[in-house]
Every structure is written in C-alpha cells, then in structure tokens.
Amino acid sequence: MPINDDIKFYLTGGVGNSDPDLSLGNARSTTEIISSTNANLFENVTSGEASGGSTKYRCISLRNEGVVSYDLGVFLETVTESQSTKFYLANGSSGLNGTEPVIADEDTEPPDLIYKHPSAEYDPLVMLTLAPNDFANLWLKRVISAGAGGSLKDYIRLTPVET
C-alpha cells in the first residue's frame, strides 16, 4: 500500500546540500526533493550523452515523517517511455540512519551494491523498517543507451510502499 504522505525524499551530499548533482552519498541533506519539479534529481540528457551512452548515479534518503513505523519498500511507479533509458535502484550500504560513502562524481559506480528494476507495487525493492524520524538511503542508477533518441517523457516517479 503506498505511503506517500509519511515518507519524504531528501538529497544526500551533506546537511546543507541543495544541489542534486552533489547528491552522491554522505550525510542526509535537509533539502527535500519536490516531486513536481522537472530535473529534480538528474539533469536532462545532453546530445553527447544520448549519442555516446551514459550511466549516472545519485543517492537519496527516504525519511519517515509519520507517527507509525513502516516496513519500507520502493518501486518505480512511472517509468520512462523511452526504450533507451533505464533506471535501477539499490539499498544504501550504511544501514538505518547511516551516512553513505561518497562517490567521486556522478559517473563513478558506488561499490558493492545490488541494483534492481522494481516496476510494480507487488515486487518493490525491500528496504528497512523505519520508525518515526528514521531514514534509509537509496542509490539510483540511470542508464542511457548509446544512440538514444530524445524523449519529452523521459522520467520516473518513485513510490514508497509498506512491504
């Protein structure tokens, strides 16, 4: 069952980070990711990335701001229509309320993660049990195939669910 009202998404990159391009691990930021904002986590794909292919990474935190605990899962509710773009999710390595290792740049793959493409509520990426005010970290991987064409509907929407 979706739990959108209680689970909020935040950048990482340190407490004061407000730049999605720097959401590459480190402590949870105080900057909430607003879902109705375009390019709120990944920048638009450049023509060079589309022709040559590209893989980018981001780390975010999911925080329980409700008053009950949740066994948290997350899935890709809306997946891009582009056949050349794929998104994958992986649990952070730092555990409950942890600080993720920082990667050098958005092109550097975080070590020792197992990615999944959970595109249905009945098969989410299972995360952790979050009590009120707890958070868990999530890595996102965006893969653009070489020779990709442009798409105005190249986006995703993450949905938290109780598992």
N, C-alpha and C. Protein backbone atom coordinates (compact mmCIF):
# COMPACT_ATOMS: atom_id res chain seq x y z
N MET A 1 0.84 -1.17 0.00
CA MET A 1 0.00 0.00 0.00
C MET A 1 0.89 1.25 0.00
N PRO A 2 0.70 2.17 -0.95
CA PRO A 2 1.52 3.39 -0.98
C PRO A 2 1.38 4.19 0.30
N ILE A 3 2.48 4.79 0.71
CA ILE A 3 2.53 5.57 1.95
C ILE A 3 3.14 6.94 1.68
N ASN A 4 2.69 7.58 0.61
CA ASN A 4 3.28 8.82 0.13
C ASN A 4 3.28 9.95 1.14
N ASP A 5 2.29 10.05 2.00
CA ASP A 5 2.20 11.19 2.90
C ASP A 5 3.24 11.16 4.01
N ASP A 6 3.66 9.99 4.45
CA ASP A 6 4.59 9.89 5.58
C ASP A 6 6.05 9.82 5.17
N ILE A 7 6.35 9.27 4.02
CA ILE A 7 7.73 9.09 3.58
C ILE A 7 8.13 10.26 2.68
N LYS A 8 9.19 10.95 3.08
CA LYS A 8 9.69 12.10 2.31
C LYS A 8 11.06 11.75 1.74
N PHE A 9 11.38 12.32 0.58
CA PHE A 9 12.64 12.09 -0.11
C PHE A 9 13.56 13.29 0.10
N TYR A 10 14.83 13.02 0.42
CA TYR A 10 15.82 14.07 0.64
C TYR A 10 17.09 13.79 -0.16
N LEU A 11 17.78 14.86 -0.54
CA LEU A 11 19.10 14.73 -1.14
C LEU A 11 20.07 14.22 -0.10
N THR A 12 21.22 13.73 -0.54
CA THR A 12 22.37 13.48 0.33
C THR A 12 23.43 14.51 -0.09
N GLY A 13 24.65 14.33 0.37
CA GLY A 13 25.71 15.26 0.00
C GLY A 13 26.10 16.19 1.14
N GLY A 14 25.56 15.95 2.32
CA GLY A 14 25.83 16.79 3.48
C GLY A 14 24.60 17.58 3.88
N VAL A 15 24.53 17.97 5.14
CA VAL A 15 23.35 18.59 5.71
C VAL A 15 22.85 19.79 4.91
N GLY A 16 23.74 20.65 4.45
CA GLY A 16 23.33 21.86 3.74
C GLY A 16 23.24 21.74 2.24
N ASN A 17 23.46 20.55 1.67
CA ASN A 17 23.46 20.42 0.22
C ASN A 17 22.07 20.64 -0.37
N SER A 18 22.00 21.49 -1.38
CA SER A 18 20.75 21.70 -2.11
C SER A 18 20.91 21.45 -3.60
N ASP A 19 22.06 20.91 -4.00
CA ASP A 19 22.36 20.66 -5.41
C ASP A 19 22.21 19.18 -5.72
N PRO A 20 21.21 18.80 -6.53
CA PRO A 20 21.02 17.37 -6.86
C PRO A 20 22.25 16.73 -7.49
N ASP A 21 23.06 17.51 -8.22
CA ASP A 21 24.27 16.96 -8.84
C ASP A 21 25.30 16.52 -7.81
N LEU A 22 25.17 16.99 -6.57
CA LEU A 22 26.10 16.62 -5.50
C LEU A 22 25.48 15.61 -4.53
N SER A 23 24.34 15.05 -4.90
CA SER A 23 23.69 14.04 -4.07
C SER A 23 24.32 12.69 -4.39
N LEU A 24 25.57 12.55 -3.94
CA LEU A 24 26.43 11.41 -4.30
C LEU A 24 26.90 10.64 -3.06
N GLY A 25 26.05 10.59 -2.03
CA GLY A 25 26.43 9.97 -0.78
C GLY A 25 26.67 11.03 0.26
N ASN A 26 27.25 10.63 1.41
CA ASN A 26 27.49 11.49 2.54
C ASN A 26 26.22 11.59 3.37
N ALA A 27 26.14 12.55 4.28
CA ALA A 27 25.01 12.68 5.19
C ALA A 27 23.74 13.13 4.45
N ARG A 28 22.60 12.84 5.08
CA ARG A 28 21.31 13.28 4.55
C ARG A 28 21.25 14.80 4.60
N SER A 29 20.79 15.39 3.51
CA SER A 29 20.60 16.83 3.44
C SER A 29 19.27 17.21 4.07
N THR A 30 19.11 18.48 4.37
CA THR A 30 17.82 18.99 4.83
C THR A 30 16.94 19.40 3.65
N THR A 31 17.45 19.24 2.43
CA THR A 31 16.71 19.64 1.23
C THR A 31 15.82 18.50 0.75
N GLU A 32 14.51 18.73 0.82
CA GLU A 32 13.55 17.74 0.36
C GLU A 32 13.46 17.79 -1.17
N ILE A 33 13.31 16.63 -1.78
CA ILE A 33 13.13 16.54 -3.22
C ILE A 33 11.64 16.73 -3.50
N ILE A 34 11.33 17.74 -4.29
CA ILE A 34 9.95 18.05 -4.61
C ILE A 34 9.57 17.33 -5.90
N SER A 35 8.57 16.48 -5.84
CA SER A 35 8.27 15.58 -6.96
C SER A 35 7.73 16.29 -8.19
N SER A 36 7.15 17.46 -8.05
CA SER A 36 6.57 18.12 -9.22
C SER A 36 7.56 19.00 -9.97
N THR A 37 8.82 18.97 -9.58
CA THR A 37 9.85 19.78 -10.21
C THR A 37 10.59 18.96 -11.26
N ASN A 38 10.69 19.47 -12.49
CA ASN A 38 11.43 18.78 -13.54
C ASN A 38 12.92 18.75 -13.20
N ALA A 39 13.60 17.67 -13.63
CA ALA A 39 15.04 17.50 -13.43
C ALA A 39 15.42 17.72 -11.96
N ASN A 40 14.61 17.18 -11.05
CA ASN A 40 14.85 17.41 -9.63
C ASN A 40 15.92 16.49 -9.03
N LEU A 41 16.43 15.55 -9.81
CA LEU A 41 17.49 14.68 -9.32
C LEU A 41 18.58 14.49 -10.36
N PHE A 42 18.21 14.19 -11.58
CA PHE A 42 19.15 14.07 -12.69
C PHE A 42 18.91 15.23 -13.65
N GLU A 43 20.00 15.77 -14.22
CA GLU A 43 19.86 16.78 -15.25
C GLU A 43 19.30 16.14 -16.52
N ASN A 44 18.81 16.97 -17.42
CA ASN A 44 18.38 16.46 -18.72
C ASN A 44 19.57 15.83 -19.44
N VAL A 45 19.29 14.87 -20.28
CA VAL A 45 20.32 14.17 -21.04
C VAL A 45 20.82 15.07 -22.17
N THR A 46 22.13 15.23 -22.25
CA THR A 46 22.71 16.04 -23.32
C THR A 46 22.74 15.23 -24.61
N SER A 47 22.94 15.92 -25.74
CA SER A 47 23.03 15.21 -27.02
C SER A 47 24.24 14.29 -27.04
N GLY A 48 25.34 14.69 -26.39
CA GLY A 48 26.53 13.84 -26.32
C GLY A 48 26.27 12.57 -25.52
N GLU A 49 25.53 12.69 -24.41
CA GLU A 49 25.18 11.51 -23.62
C GLU A 49 24.24 10.59 -24.40
N ALA A 50 23.32 11.19 -25.13
CA ALA A 50 22.37 10.39 -25.92
C ALA A 50 23.07 9.63 -27.03
N SER A 51 24.03 10.26 -27.69
CA SER A 51 24.70 9.56 -28.80
C SER A 51 25.74 8.57 -28.30
N GLY A 52 26.47 8.90 -27.24
CA GLY A 52 27.55 8.03 -26.76
C GLY A 52 27.15 7.07 -25.66
N GLY A 53 26.00 7.30 -25.04
CA GLY A 53 25.59 6.49 -23.90
C GLY A 53 26.11 7.09 -22.61
N SER A 54 25.43 6.83 -21.52
CA SER A 54 25.80 7.43 -20.24
C SER A 54 25.20 6.63 -19.10
N THR A 55 25.94 6.52 -18.01
CA THR A 55 25.43 5.94 -16.76
C THR A 55 25.75 6.93 -15.65
N LYS A 56 24.72 7.35 -14.90
CA LYS A 56 24.85 8.33 -13.81
C LYS A 56 24.26 7.74 -12.55
N TYR A 57 24.77 8.21 -11.40
CA TYR A 57 24.33 7.73 -10.09
C TYR A 57 23.91 8.88 -9.20
N ARG A 58 22.93 8.62 -8.33
CA ARG A 58 22.52 9.56 -7.30
C ARG A 58 22.17 8.76 -6.05
N CYS A 59 22.33 9.40 -4.90
CA CYS A 59 21.95 8.80 -3.63
C CYS A 59 20.95 9.74 -2.95
N ILE A 60 19.85 9.18 -2.49
CA ILE A 60 18.85 9.96 -1.76
C ILE A 60 18.52 9.25 -0.46
N SER A 61 17.82 9.96 0.42
CA SER A 61 17.36 9.39 1.68
C SER A 61 15.84 9.41 1.72
N LEU A 62 15.24 8.35 2.22
CA LEU A 62 13.81 8.28 2.44
C LEU A 62 13.59 8.32 3.94
N ARG A 63 12.84 9.33 4.40
CA ARG A 63 12.67 9.56 5.84
C ARG A 63 11.20 9.40 6.23
N ASN A 64 10.95 8.68 7.31
CA ASN A 64 9.60 8.50 7.83
C ASN A 64 9.26 9.72 8.70
N GLU A 65 8.35 10.55 8.21
CA GLU A 65 7.92 11.72 8.96
C GLU A 65 6.53 11.53 9.54
N GLY A 66 6.08 10.28 9.57
CA GLY A 66 4.79 9.94 10.16
C GLY A 66 4.94 9.58 11.63
N VAL A 67 3.88 9.02 12.20
CA VAL A 67 3.87 8.67 13.62
C VAL A 67 3.85 7.17 13.86
N VAL A 68 3.87 6.37 12.79
CA VAL A 68 3.92 4.91 12.91
C VAL A 68 5.13 4.38 12.17
N SER A 69 5.55 3.16 12.49
CA SER A 69 6.67 2.53 11.81
C SER A 69 6.19 1.87 10.52
N TYR A 70 7.11 1.77 9.55
CA TYR A 70 6.81 1.12 8.27
C TYR A 70 7.93 0.16 7.90
N ASP A 71 7.54 -1.00 7.38
CA ASP A 71 8.48 -1.89 6.70
C ASP A 71 8.53 -1.36 5.27
N LEU A 72 9.59 -0.63 4.95
CA LEU A 72 9.62 0.17 3.74
C LEU A 72 10.09 -0.59 2.52
N GLY A 73 9.41 -0.34 1.42
CA GLY A 73 9.81 -0.77 0.10
C GLY A 73 9.62 0.40 -0.84
N VAL A 74 10.20 0.32 -2.03
CA VAL A 74 10.03 1.39 -3.01
C VAL A 74 10.03 0.77 -4.41
N PHE A 75 9.23 1.35 -5.30
CA PHE A 75 9.21 0.86 -6.68
C PHE A 75 9.10 2.04 -7.63
N LEU A 76 9.36 1.78 -8.90
CA LEU A 76 9.28 2.79 -9.95
C LEU A 76 7.86 2.80 -10.48
N GLU A 77 7.03 3.70 -9.97
CA GLU A 77 5.62 3.72 -10.35
C GLU A 77 5.44 4.18 -11.79
N THR A 78 6.13 5.22 -12.17
CA THR A 78 6.07 5.72 -13.54
C THR A 78 7.45 5.57 -14.13
N VAL A 79 7.56 4.79 -15.17
CA VAL A 79 8.85 4.54 -15.80
C VAL A 79 8.85 5.23 -17.15
N THR A 80 9.99 5.80 -17.52
CA THR A 80 10.12 6.50 -18.79
C THR A 80 9.61 5.66 -19.95
N GLU A 81 9.03 6.35 -20.93
CA GLU A 81 8.57 5.67 -22.15
C GLU A 81 9.71 5.39 -23.11
N SER A 82 10.84 6.03 -22.88
CA SER A 82 11.99 5.86 -23.76
C SER A 82 12.56 4.45 -23.61
N GLN A 83 12.76 3.77 -24.73
CA GLN A 83 13.36 2.44 -24.70
C GLN A 83 14.87 2.50 -24.48
N SER A 84 15.43 3.70 -24.56
CA SER A 84 16.88 3.87 -24.42
C SER A 84 17.30 4.27 -23.02
N THR A 85 16.35 4.48 -22.12
CA THR A 85 16.65 4.91 -20.75
C THR A 85 16.13 3.86 -19.78
N LYS A 86 16.99 3.45 -18.85
CA LYS A 86 16.59 2.51 -17.81
C LYS A 86 17.03 3.05 -16.45
N PHE A 87 16.20 2.84 -15.44
CA PHE A 87 16.52 3.22 -14.07
C PHE A 87 16.56 1.99 -13.19
N TYR A 88 17.50 2.00 -12.25
CA TYR A 88 17.68 0.89 -11.32
C TYR A 88 17.83 1.46 -9.91
N LEU A 89 17.47 0.67 -8.90
CA LEU A 89 17.54 1.09 -7.50
C LEU A 89 18.36 0.09 -6.70
N ALA A 90 19.06 0.61 -5.67
CA ALA A 90 19.82 -0.26 -4.76
C ALA A 90 19.75 0.33 -3.36
N ASN A 91 19.65 -0.54 -2.37
CA ASN A 91 19.72 -0.09 -0.98
C ASN A 91 21.10 0.47 -0.70
N GLY A 92 21.15 1.53 0.10
CA GLY A 92 22.43 2.06 0.55
C GLY A 92 23.13 1.06 1.44
N SER A 93 24.43 1.22 1.56
CA SER A 93 25.24 0.27 2.35
C SER A 93 25.38 0.66 3.81
N SER A 94 24.89 1.84 4.19
CA SER A 94 25.16 2.36 5.54
C SER A 94 24.15 1.97 6.60
N GLY A 95 23.06 1.32 6.21
CA GLY A 95 22.07 0.89 7.18
C GLY A 95 21.17 2.02 7.66
N LEU A 96 20.42 1.75 8.70
CA LEU A 96 19.45 2.69 9.24
C LEU A 96 20.11 3.95 9.76
N ASN A 97 19.63 5.11 9.29
CA ASN A 97 20.12 6.43 9.72
C ASN A 97 21.62 6.61 9.48
N GLY A 98 22.14 5.94 8.48
CA GLY A 98 23.58 5.96 8.22
C GLY A 98 24.01 7.04 7.24
N THR A 99 25.32 7.17 7.13
CA THR A 99 25.94 8.09 6.19
C THR A 99 26.58 7.27 5.08
N GLU A 100 26.14 7.48 3.86
CA GLU A 100 26.64 6.71 2.73
C GLU A 100 28.06 7.14 2.35
N PRO A 101 28.89 6.18 1.88
CA PRO A 101 30.19 6.56 1.32
C PRO A 101 29.96 7.50 0.13
N VAL A 102 30.86 8.45 -0.03
CA VAL A 102 30.74 9.42 -1.11
C VAL A 102 31.47 8.90 -2.34
N ILE A 103 30.83 9.03 -3.52
CA ILE A 103 31.50 8.68 -4.76
C ILE A 103 32.14 9.94 -5.35
N ALA A 104 33.18 9.76 -6.15
CA ALA A 104 33.98 10.88 -6.66
C ALA A 104 33.17 11.81 -7.55
N ASP A 105 32.30 11.25 -8.36
CA ASP A 105 31.47 12.03 -9.28
C ASP A 105 30.30 11.18 -9.71
N GLU A 106 29.38 11.76 -10.47
CA GLU A 106 28.17 11.05 -10.85
C GLU A 106 28.39 9.90 -11.82
N ASP A 107 29.59 9.80 -12.37
CA ASP A 107 29.92 8.71 -13.29
C ASP A 107 30.56 7.52 -12.59
N THR A 108 30.86 7.65 -11.30
CA THR A 108 31.54 6.61 -10.54
C THR A 108 30.52 5.70 -9.87
N GLU A 109 30.61 4.40 -10.15
CA GLU A 109 29.66 3.46 -9.55
C GLU A 109 29.99 3.23 -8.08
N PRO A 110 29.00 3.35 -7.20
CA PRO A 110 29.23 3.03 -5.79
C PRO A 110 29.56 1.55 -5.65
N PRO A 111 30.49 1.21 -4.76
CA PRO A 111 30.90 -0.20 -4.64
C PRO A 111 29.87 -1.07 -3.91
N ASP A 112 29.87 -2.34 -4.28
CA ASP A 112 29.17 -3.39 -3.53
C ASP A 112 27.67 -3.21 -3.40
N LEU A 113 27.02 -2.69 -4.43
CA LEU A 113 25.57 -2.55 -4.40
C LEU A 113 24.94 -3.51 -5.39
N ILE A 114 23.72 -3.95 -5.08
CA ILE A 114 22.98 -4.83 -5.97
C ILE A 114 21.75 -4.05 -6.45
N TYR A 115 21.70 -3.79 -7.75
CA TYR A 115 20.62 -2.99 -8.33
C TYR A 115 19.46 -3.85 -8.78
N LYS A 116 18.29 -3.27 -8.70
CA LYS A 116 17.05 -3.93 -9.10
C LYS A 116 16.21 -2.93 -9.88
N HIS A 117 15.35 -3.42 -10.75
CA HIS A 117 14.43 -2.58 -11.51
C HIS A 117 13.00 -2.90 -11.05
N PRO A 118 12.61 -2.41 -9.85
CA PRO A 118 11.29 -2.75 -9.31
C PRO A 118 10.20 -1.84 -9.90
N SER A 119 9.42 -2.36 -10.82
CA SER A 119 8.44 -1.53 -11.52
C SER A 119 7.00 -1.86 -11.16
N ALA A 120 6.81 -2.59 -10.06
CA ALA A 120 5.44 -2.92 -9.65
C ALA A 120 5.35 -2.91 -8.12
N GLU A 121 4.20 -2.48 -7.63
CA GLU A 121 3.98 -2.40 -6.18
C GLU A 121 4.13 -3.75 -5.50
N TYR A 122 3.74 -4.83 -6.20
CA TYR A 122 3.81 -6.16 -5.59
C TYR A 122 5.23 -6.72 -5.53
N ASP A 123 6.20 -6.03 -6.18
CA ASP A 123 7.59 -6.50 -6.19
C ASP A 123 8.55 -5.33 -5.98
N PRO A 124 8.44 -4.62 -4.83
CA PRO A 124 9.30 -3.45 -4.62
C PRO A 124 10.71 -3.85 -4.20
N LEU A 125 11.60 -2.88 -4.22
CA LEU A 125 12.90 -3.05 -3.58
C LEU A 125 12.64 -2.94 -2.09
N VAL A 126 12.86 -4.01 -1.34
CA VAL A 126 12.61 -4.01 0.09
C VAL A 126 13.77 -3.30 0.78
N MET A 127 13.44 -2.34 1.65
CA MET A 127 14.45 -1.55 2.32
C MET A 127 14.54 -1.95 3.79
N LEU A 128 14.28 -1.05 4.70
CA LEU A 128 14.38 -1.29 6.14
C LEU A 128 13.07 -0.94 6.84
N THR A 129 12.95 -1.33 8.10
CA THR A 129 11.83 -0.86 8.91
C THR A 129 12.20 0.52 9.44
N LEU A 130 11.34 1.50 9.15
CA LEU A 130 11.59 2.87 9.57
C LEU A 130 10.59 3.27 10.66
N ALA A 131 11.10 3.53 11.86
CA ALA A 131 10.29 4.12 12.92
C ALA A 131 10.16 5.62 12.61
N PRO A 132 9.28 6.33 13.28
CA PRO A 132 9.18 7.77 13.04
C PRO A 132 10.56 8.45 13.16
N ASN A 133 10.86 9.31 12.19
CA ASN A 133 12.10 10.08 12.07
C ASN A 133 13.31 9.28 11.63
N ASP A 134 13.17 7.97 11.39
CA ASP A 134 14.27 7.19 10.83
C ASP A 134 14.35 7.42 9.33
N PHE A 135 15.53 7.15 8.77
CA PHE A 135 15.68 7.23 7.32
C PHE A 135 16.57 6.11 6.82
N ALA A 136 16.43 5.82 5.53
CA ALA A 136 17.25 4.83 4.84
C ALA A 136 17.71 5.46 3.53
N ASN A 137 18.89 5.04 3.08
CA ASN A 137 19.45 5.60 1.85
C ASN A 137 19.21 4.68 0.67
N LEU A 138 19.06 5.31 -0.50
CA LEU A 138 18.72 4.61 -1.73
C LEU A 138 19.59 5.17 -2.85
N TRP A 139 20.22 4.29 -3.62
CA TRP A 139 21.00 4.69 -4.79
C TRP A 139 20.15 4.49 -6.03
N LEU A 140 20.23 5.44 -6.95
CA LEU A 140 19.57 5.35 -8.25
C LEU A 140 20.62 5.34 -9.33
N LYS A 141 20.40 4.53 -10.32
CA LYS A 141 21.31 4.39 -11.46
C LYS A 141 20.49 4.65 -12.73
N ARG A 142 20.93 5.65 -13.52
CA ARG A 142 20.26 5.95 -14.79
C ARG A 142 21.18 5.56 -15.93
N VAL A 143 20.70 4.69 -16.80
CA VAL A 143 21.50 4.20 -17.93
C VAL A 143 20.84 4.67 -19.22
N ILE A 144 21.61 5.43 -20.02
CA ILE A 144 21.18 5.88 -21.33
C ILE A 144 21.96 5.06 -22.36
N SER A 145 21.28 4.33 -23.21
CA SER A 145 21.94 3.52 -24.23
C SER A 145 22.55 4.42 -25.30
N ALA A 146 23.69 4.00 -25.86
CA ALA A 146 24.31 4.74 -26.96
C ALA A 146 23.33 4.80 -28.13
N GLY A 147 23.27 5.95 -28.78
CA GLY A 147 22.38 6.13 -29.92
C GLY A 147 20.95 6.45 -29.51
N ALA A 148 20.76 6.86 -28.25
CA ALA A 148 19.42 7.15 -27.76
C ALA A 148 18.82 8.36 -28.46
N GLY A 149 17.53 8.29 -28.68
CA GLY A 149 16.82 9.44 -29.23
C GLY A 149 16.25 10.27 -28.10
N GLY A 150 15.84 11.47 -28.39
CA GLY A 150 15.25 12.33 -27.37
C GLY A 150 13.83 11.89 -27.02
N SER A 151 13.41 12.22 -25.80
CA SER A 151 12.06 11.91 -25.36
C SER A 151 11.62 12.98 -24.37
N LEU A 152 10.45 13.54 -24.61
CA LEU A 152 9.90 14.53 -23.68
C LEU A 152 9.31 13.86 -22.44
N LYS A 153 9.14 12.55 -22.48
CA LYS A 153 8.56 11.83 -21.35
C LYS A 153 9.60 10.91 -20.74
N ASP A 154 10.81 11.40 -20.58
CA ASP A 154 11.91 10.61 -20.05
C ASP A 154 12.07 10.91 -18.56
N TYR A 155 11.27 10.23 -17.74
CA TYR A 155 11.28 10.49 -16.31
C TYR A 155 10.79 9.25 -15.55
N ILE A 156 10.96 9.31 -14.21
CA ILE A 156 10.44 8.26 -13.35
C ILE A 156 9.75 8.90 -12.15
N ARG A 157 8.97 8.11 -11.43
CA ARG A 157 8.40 8.51 -10.16
C ARG A 157 8.58 7.35 -9.20
N LEU A 158 9.26 7.63 -8.10
CA LEU A 158 9.44 6.61 -7.06
C LEU A 158 8.25 6.63 -6.12
N THR A 159 7.79 5.44 -5.74
CA THR A 159 6.68 5.34 -4.81
C THR A 159 7.06 4.45 -3.64
N PRO A 160 6.99 4.99 -2.41
CA PRO A 160 7.24 4.17 -1.23
C PRO A 160 6.01 3.34 -0.88
N VAL A 161 6.22 2.11 -0.46
CA VAL A 161 5.13 1.23 -0.07
C VAL A 161 5.51 0.48 1.20
N GLU A 162 4.50 -0.01 1.89
CA GLU A 162 4.75 -0.86 3.05
C GLU A 162 4.80 -2.30 2.57
N THR A 163 5.86 -3.02 2.96
CA THR A 163 6.02 -4.40 2.50
C THR A 163 5.49 -5.39 3.51
